[in-house]
Amino acid sequence: MSRVRRTAAFVALWHFIRGQNRPGAPSLTTRINAFPRMVGAVTSGRWNGMGKSRLALMGLAVLYLLSPVDLVPEGLLLAIGLVDDVVVATWLAGSALDGTERFIDWENTQPQVVQSHVITDG
C-alpha cells in the first residue's frame, strides 16, 4: 500500500473526528450503509477505487483486532501492547471513511438504471 493511501486514511479519520468534513460529505450512517455495496463493487470489479488487496488488509485488520491471540501482549506489556491495536484500529477506521467517501462519490456519478416490467396485451 502506498504511503499516500495510508496518509489519506489517517487524514480522513482526523477530519471526521474534528467535524471538518467537506461540505456535502456523507454522514456516518450513509457511509455504514454504503460499506457492503462498496465491498460488493470491489470484489466484482465494478469499482477499482480501492484495490482488492486494500480490502483484504481491512479484513485482516478486523480479524487482528478480534483475535484472542493478541490479548497476551496487552496482559504482559500493558500500555505498550495496546499501541499496536490503536494503530490498526485507527488505520481501519480511516480507510473505511476514505474508501466509503470515494465510493459514494463514484456511485453518485453512475447512471441510474431502473428495471421495469413490460406488460403486453394478448
Protein backbone atom coordinates (compact mmCIF):
# COMPACT_ATOMS: atom_id res chain seq x y z
CA MET A 1 0.00 0.00 0.00
CA SER A 2 1.39 3.37 -0.89
CA ARG A 3 2.33 5.96 1.70
CA VAL A 4 -0.22 8.35 0.17
CA ARG A 5 -3.08 5.88 0.78
CA ARG A 6 -2.01 5.34 4.40
CA THR A 7 -1.79 9.07 4.95
CA ALA A 8 -5.20 9.59 3.31
CA ALA A 9 -6.74 7.08 5.71
CA PHE A 10 -5.39 8.87 8.79
CA VAL A 11 -6.29 12.31 7.41
CA ALA A 12 -9.85 11.18 6.63
CA LEU A 13 -10.26 9.92 10.19
CA TRP A 14 -8.79 13.11 11.68
CA HIS A 15 -11.13 15.33 9.65
CA PHE A 16 -14.12 13.17 10.54
CA ILE A 17 -13.34 13.26 14.26
CA ARG A 18 -12.84 17.03 14.23
CA GLY A 19 -16.04 17.54 12.23
CA GLN A 20 -14.16 19.09 9.32
CA ASN A 21 -15.76 17.10 6.55
CA ARG A 22 -16.06 18.85 3.27
CA PRO A 23 -19.49 20.40 2.68
CA GLY A 24 -21.90 17.75 1.44
CA ALA A 25 -19.76 14.88 2.74
CA PRO A 26 -21.73 11.73 3.52
CA SER A 27 -22.88 11.11 7.09
CA LEU A 28 -21.66 8.19 9.17
CA THR A 29 -24.98 6.37 8.59
CA THR A 30 -24.66 6.83 4.83
CA ARG A 31 -21.09 5.52 4.94
CA ILE A 32 -22.09 2.48 7.03
CA ASN A 33 -24.90 1.67 4.60
CA ALA A 34 -22.55 2.09 1.63
CA PHE A 35 -19.86 -0.23 3.01
CA PRO A 36 -21.48 -3.53 1.90
CA ARG A 37 -22.16 -2.06 -1.56
CA MET A 38 -18.53 -0.94 -1.73
CA VAL A 39 -17.28 -4.43 -0.81
CA GLY A 40 -19.52 -5.93 -3.50
CA ALA A 41 -18.36 -3.41 -6.11
CA VAL A 42 -14.68 -4.02 -5.30
CA THR A 43 -14.96 -7.81 -5.31
CA SER A 44 -16.97 -7.85 -8.54
CA GLY A 45 -14.54 -5.45 -10.22
CA ARG A 46 -17.15 -2.76 -10.92
CA TRP A 47 -15.21 -0.19 -8.84
CA ASN A 48 -11.45 -0.02 -8.73
CA GLY A 49 -11.10 2.99 -6.41
CA MET A 50 -9.95 0.61 -3.70
CA GLY A 51 -8.00 -2.44 -4.67
CA LYS A 52 -8.87 -5.94 -3.55
CA SER A 53 -5.61 -6.01 -1.62
CA ARG A 54 -6.63 -2.99 0.48
CA LEU A 55 -10.00 -4.57 1.12
CA ALA A 56 -8.23 -7.78 2.18
CA LEU A 57 -5.99 -5.78 4.52
CA MET A 58 -9.08 -4.23 6.08
CA GLY A 59 -10.48 -7.72 6.66
CA LEU A 60 -7.21 -8.84 8.21
CA ALA A 61 -7.22 -5.77 10.44
CA VAL A 62 -10.69 -6.72 11.74
CA LEU A 63 -9.51 -10.28 12.40
CA TYR A 64 -6.39 -8.97 14.14
CA LEU A 65 -8.43 -6.74 16.43
CA LEU A 66 -10.88 -9.54 17.26
CA SER A 67 -8.23 -12.23 17.66
CA PRO A 68 -7.81 -13.53 21.21
CA VAL A 69 -4.16 -14.28 20.42
CA ASP A 70 -3.42 -10.57 20.63
CA LEU A 71 -4.63 -10.38 24.25
CA VAL A 72 -1.37 -11.87 25.56
CA PRO A 73 0.85 -8.85 24.73
CA GLU A 74 -1.61 -6.49 26.42
CA GLY A 75 -1.53 -8.61 29.57
CA LEU A 76 2.25 -8.67 29.64
CA LEU A 77 3.19 -5.28 28.23
CA LEU A 78 0.20 -3.19 29.39
CA ALA A 79 0.07 0.15 27.54
CA ILE A 80 2.77 -0.79 25.04
CA GLY A 81 0.72 -3.81 23.99
CA LEU A 82 -2.29 -1.59 23.28
CA VAL A 83 -0.41 0.70 20.91
CA ASP A 84 -0.46 -1.81 18.05
CA ASP A 85 -4.22 -2.24 18.45
CA VAL A 86 -4.78 1.51 18.44
CA VAL A 87 -2.70 1.93 15.28
CA VAL A 88 -4.54 -0.89 13.49
CA ALA A 89 -7.97 0.38 14.61
CA THR A 90 -7.10 3.93 13.57
CA TRP A 91 -5.92 2.81 10.15
CA LEU A 92 -9.02 0.63 9.71
CA ALA A 93 -11.42 3.44 10.63
CA GLY A 94 -9.61 5.94 8.42
CA SER A 95 -9.50 3.52 5.50
CA ALA A 96 -13.21 2.82 5.84
CA LEU A 97 -14.02 6.54 5.96
CA ASP A 98 -11.77 7.35 2.99
CA GLY A 99 -12.95 4.39 0.93
CA THR A 100 -16.66 4.89 1.54
CA GLU A 101 -16.47 8.59 0.75
CA ARG A 102 -14.73 7.93 -2.57
CA PHE A 103 -17.15 5.07 -3.32
CA ILE A 104 -20.22 7.21 -2.62
CA ASP A 105 -18.83 9.98 -4.85
CA TRP A 106 -18.26 7.40 -7.61
CA GLU A 107 -21.68 5.87 -7.09
CA ASN A 108 -23.34 9.28 -7.44
CA THR A 109 -21.75 9.75 -10.87
CA GLN A 110 -23.06 6.44 -12.22
CA PRO A 111 -26.14 6.42 -14.44
CA GLN A 112 -29.28 5.29 -12.66
CA VAL A 113 -30.77 2.10 -14.07
CA VAL A 114 -34.34 1.23 -13.22
CA GLN A 115 -35.59 -2.23 -14.02
CA SER A 116 -39.17 -2.41 -15.12
CA HIS A 117 -41.58 -4.95 -16.46
CA VAL A 118 -43.32 -4.55 -19.78
CA ILE A 119 -46.87 -5.74 -19.82
CA THR A 120 -48.36 -6.54 -23.19
CA ASP A 121 -51.94 -7.27 -24.05
CA GLY A 122 -52.71 -10.55 -25.57
